[in-house]
Amino acid sequence: MPRRLDATKPGFAAEFEQLLGDKRESSVEVDHIVRDIIAEVRQGGDIALLDYTRRFDRVAASSVADLKIGAATIDRAVSECS
C-alpha cells in the first residue's frame, strides 16, 4: 500500500528522507513484471485485461466496452483542469 505523507504534520521531513532512501524497483525488475503482464494479456485477452484492471485500477468492469470513456467525459475533465 502506498505511504501518504503530509507536509503539514510533524516529522514530515524525516518521513520524506526515509522515503527517498527506500529501495526502489530496478529497471530490470519492472521490465520483467511488465513483460509478464503483457504476455498474460496477449494469451488471456479481454479476461486477463479485465482482471488486471480490477487488481491495479480497482475498477470492476464486466467487459472491455465498460472501460471506454466518452469524448464528452474527457472534454469535461479537461475543462476542469487549470
Protein backbone atom coordinates (compact mmCIF):
# COMPACT_ATOMS: atom_id res chain seq x y z
CA MET A 1 0.00 0.00 0.00
CA PRO A 2 1.39 3.44 -0.86
CA ARG A 3 2.53 5.59 2.00
CA ARG A 4 0.95 9.03 2.30
CA LEU A 5 2.98 11.89 3.60
CA ASP A 6 1.52 15.13 4.89
CA ALA A 7 3.86 18.13 4.70
CA THR A 8 1.90 19.86 7.48
CA LYS A 9 2.50 17.08 10.03
CA PRO A 10 5.39 16.95 12.48
CA GLY A 11 8.04 14.52 11.35
CA PHE A 12 7.36 15.08 7.66
CA ALA A 13 11.00 15.85 6.84
CA ALA A 14 12.21 12.61 8.45
CA GLU A 15 9.50 10.54 6.76
CA PHE A 16 10.32 12.15 3.42
CA GLU A 17 14.05 11.41 3.84
CA GLN A 18 13.21 7.79 4.68
CA LEU A 19 11.01 7.54 1.59
CA LEU A 20 13.83 8.84 -0.59
CA GLY A 21 16.17 6.25 0.87
CA ASP A 22 13.85 3.26 0.44
CA LYS A 23 14.76 0.67 -2.16
CA ARG A 24 13.04 1.17 -5.47
CA GLU A 25 12.40 -1.48 -8.07
CA SER A 26 15.19 -1.72 -10.57
CA SER A 27 14.50 -1.22 -14.23
CA VAL A 28 15.20 -4.92 -14.81
CA GLU A 29 12.61 -5.96 -12.19
CA VAL A 30 9.99 -3.64 -13.64
CA ASP A 31 10.74 -4.76 -17.20
CA HIS A 32 10.28 -8.41 -16.19
CA ILE A 33 6.96 -7.74 -14.47
CA VAL A 34 5.67 -5.69 -17.41
CA ARG A 35 6.71 -8.40 -19.89
CA ASP A 36 4.80 -10.98 -17.83
CA ILE A 37 1.68 -8.80 -17.75
CA ILE A 38 1.80 -8.19 -21.50
CA ALA A 39 2.26 -11.91 -22.15
CA GLU A 40 -0.71 -12.76 -19.92
CA VAL A 41 -2.93 -10.20 -21.64
CA ARG A 42 -1.86 -11.47 -25.07
CA GLN A 43 -2.66 -15.02 -24.04
CA GLY A 44 -5.76 -14.36 -21.92
CA GLY A 45 -7.19 -11.47 -23.94
CA ASP A 46 -10.03 -9.42 -22.51
CA ILE A 47 -10.44 -11.67 -19.47
CA ALA A 48 -6.82 -11.06 -18.42
CA LEU A 49 -7.13 -7.34 -19.17
CA LEU A 50 -10.25 -7.06 -17.01
CA ASP A 51 -8.51 -8.99 -14.22
CA TYR A 52 -5.57 -6.58 -14.24
CA THR A 53 -7.98 -3.65 -14.36
CA ARG A 54 -9.66 -4.97 -11.21
CA ARG A 55 -6.32 -5.59 -9.49
CA PHE A 56 -4.45 -2.41 -10.38
CA ASP A 57 -7.17 0.16 -11.03
CA ARG A 58 -9.81 -1.26 -8.68
CA VAL A 59 -12.38 -1.00 -11.47
CA ALA A 60 -14.79 -3.92 -11.73
CA ALA A 61 -15.84 -3.83 -15.37
CA SER A 62 -17.76 -6.74 -16.88
CA SER A 63 -16.48 -6.04 -20.40
CA VAL A 64 -13.81 -4.02 -22.17
CA ALA A 65 -16.58 -1.82 -23.58
CA ASP A 66 -17.34 -0.77 -19.99
CA LEU A 67 -13.86 0.75 -19.81
CA LYS A 68 -14.48 3.18 -22.65
CA ILE A 69 -14.54 6.82 -21.65
CA GLY A 70 -16.60 9.02 -23.92
CA ALA A 71 -15.38 12.20 -25.56
CA ALA A 72 -17.82 14.33 -23.55
CA THR A 73 -16.45 12.95 -20.27
CA ILE A 74 -12.88 13.62 -21.40
CA ASP A 75 -13.75 17.14 -22.56
CA ARG A 76 -15.46 17.87 -19.25
CA ALA A 77 -12.43 16.61 -17.28
CA VAL A 78 -10.04 18.67 -19.41
CA SER A 79 -12.13 21.80 -18.88
CA GLU A 80 -11.84 21.31 -15.11
CA CYS A 81 -8.04 21.32 -15.23
CA SER A 82 -6.08 24.53 -14.82
